[in-house]
Amino acid sequence: MINVAALWRHPIKSHGREALTDVMLETDGTMPWDRHWAVTHAQSKFAHDNPAWVMCRNFMTATRTPSLAGISATLDVGQARLRLQHADLDDFDFCPDDADDVARFLAWVSPLCPADKPQPTGVVAAPNRGMTDTDYPSVSIMSLASHAAVAAQLGHPLGVERWRGNIWIDGADAWDELNWIGKTIQIGDATLQVKEPIVRCMLPAANPTTGARDVDILGALRNGWEHQNFGIYATVTNGGKVQVNDKVEVV
């Protein structure tokens, strides 16, 4: 049987991850509070007077600033406050919607941002959806068996946090999830339509504890399977509660 092994959200895009035990998925929505905020840089094209989804290149990400991958997060949903942690910095608590707090956050995160790269300038949000890498509201699904296959190809263990997935599944054969494209899946009380594979960039090469690039993830994928895919994107067609250990079924 295939089941939910773990649930994760990333309240600020590329700036922290948080494990969950359950989540209420909403029809046509991203995972609640996942990529709810994003951090702009000096070259960002985000329109503050007309906030909307824009491509990931407009934000600070661990693809270009790998040290950001070492951040973990704890979100107080009721207060919309975050506590961020990084091995090289003091713990930091702030409200991403408060201008004074954002100024403090920019000072906190700046030591992680190399001087020769774009610097963070603000924290933004889009109405009614998270800043996922897809131009449609998506949830990412990843397989522990596929993760184990990549680790075996590399020859050493890997933390699943590298992939920044939302829903991790266990019990499927390695790479079987790539055969679900175009199919409907039931996860707990929610129904999702699988849209496409996730084509990987350099981000998973960064160690989720230290933020240092320490593995050739893309090389492992290309050498082992002749592609750069890991995980799948899905849309929520019928919202519902999803919990760790819930059954996952292709319907």
Protein backbone atom coordinates (compact mmCIF):
# COMPACT_ATOMS: atom_id res chain seq x y z
CA MET A 1 0.00 0.00 0.00
CA ILE A 2 1.17 3.52 -0.80
CA ASN A 3 0.82 6.02 2.03
CA VAL A 4 1.78 9.55 3.05
CA ALA A 5 5.18 9.45 4.77
CA ALA A 6 5.65 13.17 5.45
CA LEU A 7 4.16 16.60 4.83
CA TRP A 8 6.17 19.80 4.44
CA ARG A 9 5.50 23.46 3.83
CA HIS A 10 7.93 26.27 3.08
CA PRO A 11 6.30 29.49 4.36
CA ILE A 12 8.83 31.78 2.64
CA LYS A 13 10.07 30.57 -0.73
CA SER A 14 13.64 29.20 -0.30
CA HIS A 15 13.81 30.53 3.27
CA GLY A 16 12.92 27.65 5.56
CA ARG A 17 10.94 24.42 5.75
CA GLU A 18 8.52 23.02 8.30
CA ALA A 19 7.26 19.45 8.82
CA LEU A 20 3.52 18.95 9.40
CA THR A 21 1.35 16.06 10.60
CA ASP A 22 -1.75 17.10 8.66
CA VAL A 23 -3.00 19.74 6.24
CA MET A 24 -6.34 20.84 4.78
CA LEU A 25 -5.88 21.09 1.02
CA GLU A 26 -8.17 23.52 -0.79
CA THR A 27 -9.61 23.01 -4.27
CA ASP A 28 -7.49 24.82 -6.90
CA GLY A 29 -5.07 25.97 -4.23
CA THR A 30 -1.43 25.54 -3.32
CA MET A 31 -0.61 23.85 -0.05
CA PRO A 32 -1.80 26.29 2.65
CA TRP A 33 1.00 28.65 3.69
CA ASP A 34 3.48 27.01 1.32
CA ARG A 35 5.57 29.65 -0.46
CA HIS A 36 3.06 32.15 0.95
CA TRP A 37 5.80 34.79 0.94
CA ALA A 38 8.84 35.31 -1.25
CA VAL A 39 11.91 37.53 -0.93
CA THR A 40 12.55 40.01 -3.73
CA HIS A 41 15.95 41.22 -4.90
CA ALA A 42 17.13 44.37 -6.67
CA GLN A 43 16.41 42.95 -10.13
CA SER A 44 12.94 41.61 -9.30
CA LYS A 45 10.06 42.43 -11.65
CA PHE A 46 7.42 41.87 -8.96
CA ALA A 47 4.80 44.64 -9.21
CA HIS A 48 4.12 45.90 -5.70
CA ASP A 49 1.14 47.95 -6.93
CA ASN A 50 -0.38 44.89 -8.61
CA PRO A 51 0.85 41.84 -6.70
CA ALA A 52 0.58 38.57 -8.60
CA TRP A 53 2.50 35.35 -9.23
CA VAL A 54 5.78 35.82 -11.08
CA MET A 55 8.58 33.42 -12.02
CA CYS A 56 11.11 32.24 -9.46
CA ARG A 57 13.97 34.24 -11.01
CA ASN A 58 12.37 37.34 -9.46
CA PHE A 59 13.12 36.08 -5.96
CA MET A 60 16.00 35.12 -3.73
CA THR A 61 16.30 31.33 -4.01
CA ALA A 62 18.71 28.64 -2.91
CA THR A 63 19.42 27.93 -6.57
CA ARG A 64 21.56 31.07 -6.78
CA THR A 65 22.17 31.50 -3.04
CA PRO A 66 22.63 27.94 -1.74
CA SER A 67 23.28 28.97 1.87
CA LEU A 68 19.55 29.75 2.15
CA ALA A 69 18.87 26.00 2.00
CA GLY A 70 20.09 25.70 5.60
CA ILE A 71 17.13 27.65 7.01
CA SER A 72 14.32 25.90 8.89
CA ALA A 73 11.04 27.56 9.87
CA THR A 74 8.22 27.40 12.39
CA LEU A 75 5.03 29.27 11.45
CA ASP A 76 2.46 30.59 13.92
CA VAL A 77 -0.51 30.66 11.56
CA GLY A 78 -2.77 32.60 13.92
CA GLN A 79 -0.25 35.43 14.31
CA ALA A 80 1.33 35.07 10.84
CA ARG A 81 4.71 35.05 12.56
CA LEU A 82 7.76 32.98 11.70
CA ARG A 83 10.71 31.71 13.67
CA LEU A 84 13.68 31.02 11.41
CA GLN A 85 16.79 29.02 12.29
CA HIS A 86 20.15 28.61 10.56
CA ALA A 87 23.28 26.96 11.90
CA ASP A 88 25.35 30.10 11.29
CA LEU A 89 22.88 32.65 12.69
CA ASP A 90 20.89 33.38 15.82
CA ASP A 91 17.25 32.27 15.78
CA PHE A 92 15.00 34.99 14.38
CA ASP A 93 11.31 35.73 15.00
CA PHE A 94 9.32 38.15 12.83
CA CYS A 95 6.12 38.96 10.96
CA PRO A 96 6.68 38.99 7.17
CA ASP A 97 3.77 41.42 6.74
CA ASP A 98 5.25 44.05 9.07
CA ALA A 99 7.58 46.58 7.41
CA ASP A 100 9.78 47.09 10.48
CA ASP A 101 10.08 43.34 10.99
CA VAL A 102 10.99 42.89 7.33
CA ALA A 103 13.81 45.40 7.70
CA ARG A 104 15.14 43.36 10.62
CA PHE A 105 14.77 40.17 8.57
CA LEU A 106 16.77 41.61 5.66
CA ALA A 107 19.58 42.43 8.08
CA TRP A 108 19.39 38.92 9.58
CA VAL A 109 19.53 37.07 6.26
CA SER A 110 22.14 39.28 4.56
CA PRO A 111 25.18 37.34 5.90
CA LEU A 112 23.94 34.33 3.90
CA CYS A 113 23.91 36.32 0.64
CA PRO A 114 27.27 36.72 -1.17
CA ALA A 115 28.14 40.32 -1.97
CA ASP A 116 28.58 39.55 -5.68
CA LYS A 117 25.03 38.19 -5.99
CA PRO A 118 21.65 40.01 -5.93
CA GLN A 119 20.77 41.20 -2.43
CA PRO A 120 17.37 40.79 -0.72
CA THR A 121 15.15 43.88 -0.82
CA GLY A 122 11.75 42.90 0.59
CA VAL A 123 9.14 40.26 1.39
CA VAL A 124 6.04 39.97 -0.80
CA ALA A 125 2.97 37.78 -1.29
CA ALA A 126 0.51 37.11 -4.09
CA PRO A 127 -3.25 37.09 -3.44
CA ASN A 128 -4.88 33.69 -2.94
CA ARG A 129 -1.92 31.45 -3.80
CA GLY A 130 1.65 30.55 -2.96
CA MET A 131 4.69 31.46 -5.05
CA THR A 132 5.25 27.95 -6.40
CA ASP A 133 7.53 27.41 -9.39
CA THR A 134 4.49 26.67 -11.57
CA ASP A 135 2.30 29.41 -13.04
CA TYR A 136 -0.71 27.45 -11.78
CA PRO A 137 -1.39 26.64 -8.09
CA SER A 138 0.33 23.31 -7.50
CA VAL A 139 1.25 20.81 -4.82
CA SER A 140 4.46 18.79 -5.18
CA ILE A 141 4.54 15.05 -4.53
CA MET A 142 7.72 13.02 -4.09
CA SER A 143 8.59 9.38 -3.49
CA LEU A 144 10.89 7.98 -0.82
CA ALA A 145 11.75 5.07 -3.14
CA SER A 146 12.90 7.45 -5.87
CA HIS A 147 14.86 9.42 -3.27
CA ALA A 148 16.56 6.20 -2.12
CA ALA A 149 17.44 5.40 -5.74
CA VAL A 150 19.17 8.77 -6.14
CA ALA A 151 21.03 8.29 -2.86
CA ALA A 152 22.19 4.85 -4.05
CA GLN A 153 23.36 6.36 -7.34
CA LEU A 154 25.40 8.92 -5.40
CA GLY A 155 26.68 6.30 -2.96
CA HIS A 156 25.67 7.99 0.30
CA PRO A 157 22.55 9.04 2.24
CA LEU A 158 20.64 12.24 1.44
CA GLY A 159 18.15 14.25 3.45
CA VAL A 160 14.72 14.49 1.82
CA GLU A 161 14.63 18.19 2.72
CA ARG A 162 16.87 18.88 -0.27
CA TRP A 163 13.96 18.39 -2.66
CA ARG A 164 11.59 20.84 -0.88
CA GLY A 165 8.54 18.68 -1.56
CA ASN A 166 5.08 19.04 -0.03
CA ILE A 167 3.81 15.45 0.12
CA TRP A 168 6.19 12.51 0.48
CA ILE A 169 4.87 9.04 -0.30
CA ASP A 170 6.12 5.59 0.71
CA GLY A 171 5.30 2.17 -0.70
CA ALA A 172 5.50 2.97 -4.42
CA ASP A 173 8.19 1.58 -6.70
CA ALA A 174 11.01 3.98 -7.53
CA TRP A 175 10.00 6.41 -10.29
CA ASP A 176 6.48 4.98 -10.51
CA GLU A 177 5.11 8.46 -9.74
CA LEU A 178 6.35 9.63 -13.15
CA ASN A 179 3.80 7.24 -14.69
CA TRP A 180 0.98 9.11 -12.94
CA ILE A 181 1.11 12.14 -15.27
CA GLY A 182 -2.44 12.89 -16.45
CA LYS A 183 -3.97 10.63 -13.81
CA THR A 184 -6.13 11.34 -10.77
CA ILE A 185 -4.92 10.36 -7.31
CA GLN A 186 -6.71 10.20 -3.98
CA ILE A 187 -4.68 11.25 -0.94
CA GLY A 188 -6.61 11.10 2.30
CA ASP A 189 -9.81 13.09 1.74
CA ALA A 190 -8.37 15.11 -1.17
CA THR A 191 -8.34 14.40 -4.90
CA LEU A 192 -5.54 15.67 -7.13
CA GLN A 193 -4.77 15.69 -10.86
CA VAL A 194 -1.14 14.97 -11.70
CA LYS A 195 0.08 17.53 -14.23
CA GLU A 196 3.79 17.13 -14.98
CA PRO A 197 7.17 15.97 -13.69
CA ILE A 198 9.37 18.39 -11.79
CA VAL A 199 12.44 19.23 -13.87
CA ARG A 200 15.25 19.89 -11.43
CA CYS A 201 17.67 22.81 -11.13
CA MET A 202 20.74 23.13 -8.89
CA LEU A 203 18.79 23.76 -5.68
CA PRO A 204 18.85 20.16 -4.30
CA ALA A 205 22.65 20.17 -4.49
CA ALA A 206 22.67 22.38 -1.37
CA ASN A 207 22.95 20.66 2.00
CA PRO A 208 19.77 21.37 4.02
CA THR A 209 21.79 21.69 7.24
CA THR A 210 24.81 23.71 6.17
CA GLY A 211 23.59 25.31 2.94
CA ALA A 212 26.78 24.21 1.15
CA ARG A 213 26.61 22.53 -2.25
CA ASP A 214 28.01 19.08 -1.60
CA VAL A 215 26.50 16.65 -4.15
CA ASP A 216 26.01 16.52 -7.91
CA ILE A 217 22.26 15.87 -7.93
CA LEU A 218 21.78 16.71 -11.60
CA GLY A 219 24.67 14.48 -12.60
CA ALA A 220 23.20 11.60 -10.61
CA LEU A 221 19.84 11.98 -12.34
CA ARG A 222 21.34 12.25 -15.81
CA ASN A 223 23.81 9.39 -15.32
CA GLY A 224 21.32 7.09 -13.66
CA TRP A 225 18.13 7.76 -15.62
CA GLU A 226 18.94 10.16 -18.47
CA HIS A 227 16.61 12.88 -17.20
CA GLN A 228 16.53 15.67 -14.61
CA ASN A 229 13.11 14.86 -13.16
CA PHE A 230 12.34 14.29 -9.51
CA GLY A 231 8.79 14.46 -8.16
CA ILE A 232 5.53 15.53 -9.76
CA TYR A 233 3.31 18.59 -9.71
CA ALA A 234 -0.41 18.12 -9.09
CA THR A 235 -3.45 20.36 -8.78
CA VAL A 236 -6.10 19.92 -6.11
CA THR A 237 -9.40 19.09 -7.83
CA ASN A 238 -11.31 18.32 -4.63
CA GLY A 239 -10.04 19.68 -1.34
CA GLY A 240 -9.85 17.71 1.87
CA LYS A 241 -7.75 16.77 4.86
CA VAL A 242 -4.48 14.92 4.33
CA GLN A 243 -2.56 13.35 7.21
CA VAL A 244 0.67 11.43 7.61
CA ASN A 245 -0.06 7.70 7.05
CA ASP A 246 -3.08 8.42 4.83
CA LYS A 247 -3.55 6.07 1.88
CA VAL A 248 -2.48 7.21 -1.59
CA GLU A 249 -4.30 5.66 -4.53
CA VAL A 250 -4.36 6.16 -8.30
CA VAL A 251 -8.05 6.23 -9.28
